[in-house]
Protein backbone atom coordinates (compact mmCIF):
# COMPACT_ATOMS: atom_id res chain seq x y z
CA MET A 1 0.00 0.00 0.00
CA VAL A 2 1.32 3.44 -0.90
CA TYR A 3 0.08 6.94 -0.19
CA ARG A 4 -0.11 8.86 -3.44
CA ASN A 5 -2.22 11.78 -4.70
CA ASN A 6 -3.89 12.12 -1.28
CA THR A 7 -5.16 8.54 -1.39
CA LEU A 8 -4.02 5.11 -0.37
CA GLU A 9 -3.33 2.87 -3.33
CA PHE A 10 -2.12 -0.65 -3.80
CA ARG A 11 1.07 -1.22 -5.69
CA PRO A 12 0.60 -3.31 -7.75
CA THR A 13 -3.01 -2.23 -8.19
CA TYR A 14 -5.84 -4.05 -6.45
CA GLU A 15 -7.12 -5.44 -9.74
CA GLU A 16 -3.65 -6.68 -10.69
CA LEU A 17 -3.29 -8.38 -7.30
CA LYS A 18 -6.59 -10.19 -7.82
CA GLN A 19 -5.62 -11.19 -11.33
CA ARG A 20 -2.27 -12.60 -10.18
CA TYR A 21 -3.88 -14.42 -7.27
CA TYR A 22 -6.49 -16.15 -9.42
CA LYS A 23 -3.87 -16.98 -12.04
CA GLU A 24 -1.78 -18.71 -9.37
CA ILE A 25 -4.85 -20.64 -8.18
CA SER A 26 -5.44 -21.76 -11.75
CA ILE A 27 -1.84 -22.87 -12.14
CA PHE A 28 -2.03 -24.80 -8.86
CA ILE A 29 -5.26 -26.54 -9.86
CA THR A 30 -3.80 -27.70 -13.17
CA ILE A 31 -0.62 -29.22 -11.68
CA PRO A 32 -2.07 -32.78 -11.76
CA LEU A 33 -2.74 -32.40 -15.50
CA LYS A 34 1.01 -32.09 -16.09
CA PHE A 35 2.05 -34.89 -13.77
CA ASN A 36 3.11 -38.14 -15.42
CA GLY A 37 3.47 -40.27 -12.32
CA VAL A 38 6.33 -42.47 -11.21
CA SER A 39 5.60 -45.71 -13.04
CA ASP A 40 6.59 -46.75 -16.54
CA ARG A 41 2.95 -47.01 -17.52
CA SER A 42 1.78 -44.28 -19.78
CA ASP A 43 -1.66 -44.42 -18.19
CA SER A 44 -1.69 -41.35 -16.00
CA SER A 45 -5.42 -40.80 -16.34
CA ILE A 46 -5.87 -40.75 -12.57
CA TYR A 47 -4.04 -37.42 -12.45
CA LYS A 48 -6.14 -36.01 -15.27
CA LEU A 49 -9.29 -36.74 -13.26
CA MET A 50 -8.16 -34.99 -10.09
CA PRO A 51 -9.27 -31.43 -10.98
CA ASP A 52 -12.69 -32.67 -12.13
CA GLN A 53 -13.20 -34.86 -9.06
CA ASN A 54 -12.44 -31.95 -6.76
CA ALA A 55 -14.39 -29.30 -8.64
CA ALA A 56 -17.01 -29.14 -5.90
CA HIS A 57 -14.37 -27.89 -3.48
CA LEU A 58 -13.14 -25.12 -5.75
CA GLY A 59 -16.10 -22.95 -4.80
CA THR A 60 -14.70 -22.77 -1.28
CA VAL A 61 -11.31 -21.72 -2.63
CA TYR A 62 -12.85 -18.82 -4.53
CA VAL A 63 -15.09 -17.80 -1.61
CA LYS A 64 -12.03 -17.69 0.67
CA ALA A 65 -10.16 -15.68 -1.96
CA GLU A 66 -12.94 -13.09 -2.03
CA GLU A 67 -12.90 -12.95 1.79
CA LEU A 68 -9.18 -12.31 1.63
CA PHE A 69 -9.62 -9.45 -0.84
CA THR A 70 -12.41 -7.97 1.28
CA LYS A 71 -9.99 -7.91 4.22
CA LEU A 72 -7.42 -6.27 1.99
CA GLN A 73 -9.89 -3.52 1.10
CA GLY A 74 -10.57 -3.10 4.83
CA LEU A 75 -6.91 -2.33 5.36
CA THR A 76 -7.30 0.75 3.20
CA ARG A 77 -10.06 2.06 5.46
CA GLU A 78 -8.04 1.17 8.56
CA TYR A 79 -4.95 3.08 7.45
CA LEU A 80 -6.83 6.02 5.96
CA THR A 81 -6.76 7.86 9.28
CA TRP A 82 -2.97 7.62 9.25
CA THR A 83 -2.89 9.77 6.13
CA ALA A 84 -4.64 12.78 7.67
CA LEU A 85 -1.48 14.89 7.84
CA GLY A 86 -0.89 14.30 4.15
CA ASN A 87 -4.18 16.01 3.31
CA ILE A 88 -3.38 19.37 4.89
CA ASP A 89 -0.81 22.09 4.33
CA LEU A 90 1.40 21.16 7.27
CA ALA A 91 3.47 24.36 7.25
CA SER A 92 0.44 26.64 7.56
CA PHE A 93 -1.14 24.34 10.15
CA ILE A 94 1.99 24.58 12.29
CA GLU A 95 2.15 28.36 11.92
CA GLN A 96 -1.46 28.70 13.07
CA ASN A 97 -1.46 26.23 15.93
CA PHE A 98 2.07 26.15 17.35
CA THR A 99 2.38 29.41 19.24
CA SER A 100 4.62 28.44 22.13
CA VAL A 101 7.53 26.17 22.94
CA GLN A 102 5.14 24.03 24.98
CA ASP A 103 3.10 23.32 21.80
CA TRP A 104 6.26 21.98 20.15
CA ASP A 105 7.14 19.85 23.18
CA ASP A 106 3.62 18.44 23.46
CA ASN A 107 3.44 17.48 19.79
CA PHE A 108 6.97 16.26 19.20
């Protein structure tokens, strides 16, 4: 997350993060399709069936992914208050509000 143009942004962007994440899930799911096995037999059909046999469980994977990205969006709201000083002209704020040495000591 970066603070830029008076807003919090993701770097890489939120959409790019989601795209990469789902691409990695897809790569992981298709690993059995590329696996030949350890025997000399050329019949590796059991590995080809694995993604199809577990398709019912993939819904949970995608639901959890969306929960994860919802939490990520929540981080933006959580850290937004930390950016308050970036939204004001700090020099003029200090000139107006820091009138004594005690003000500087209190806010250091």
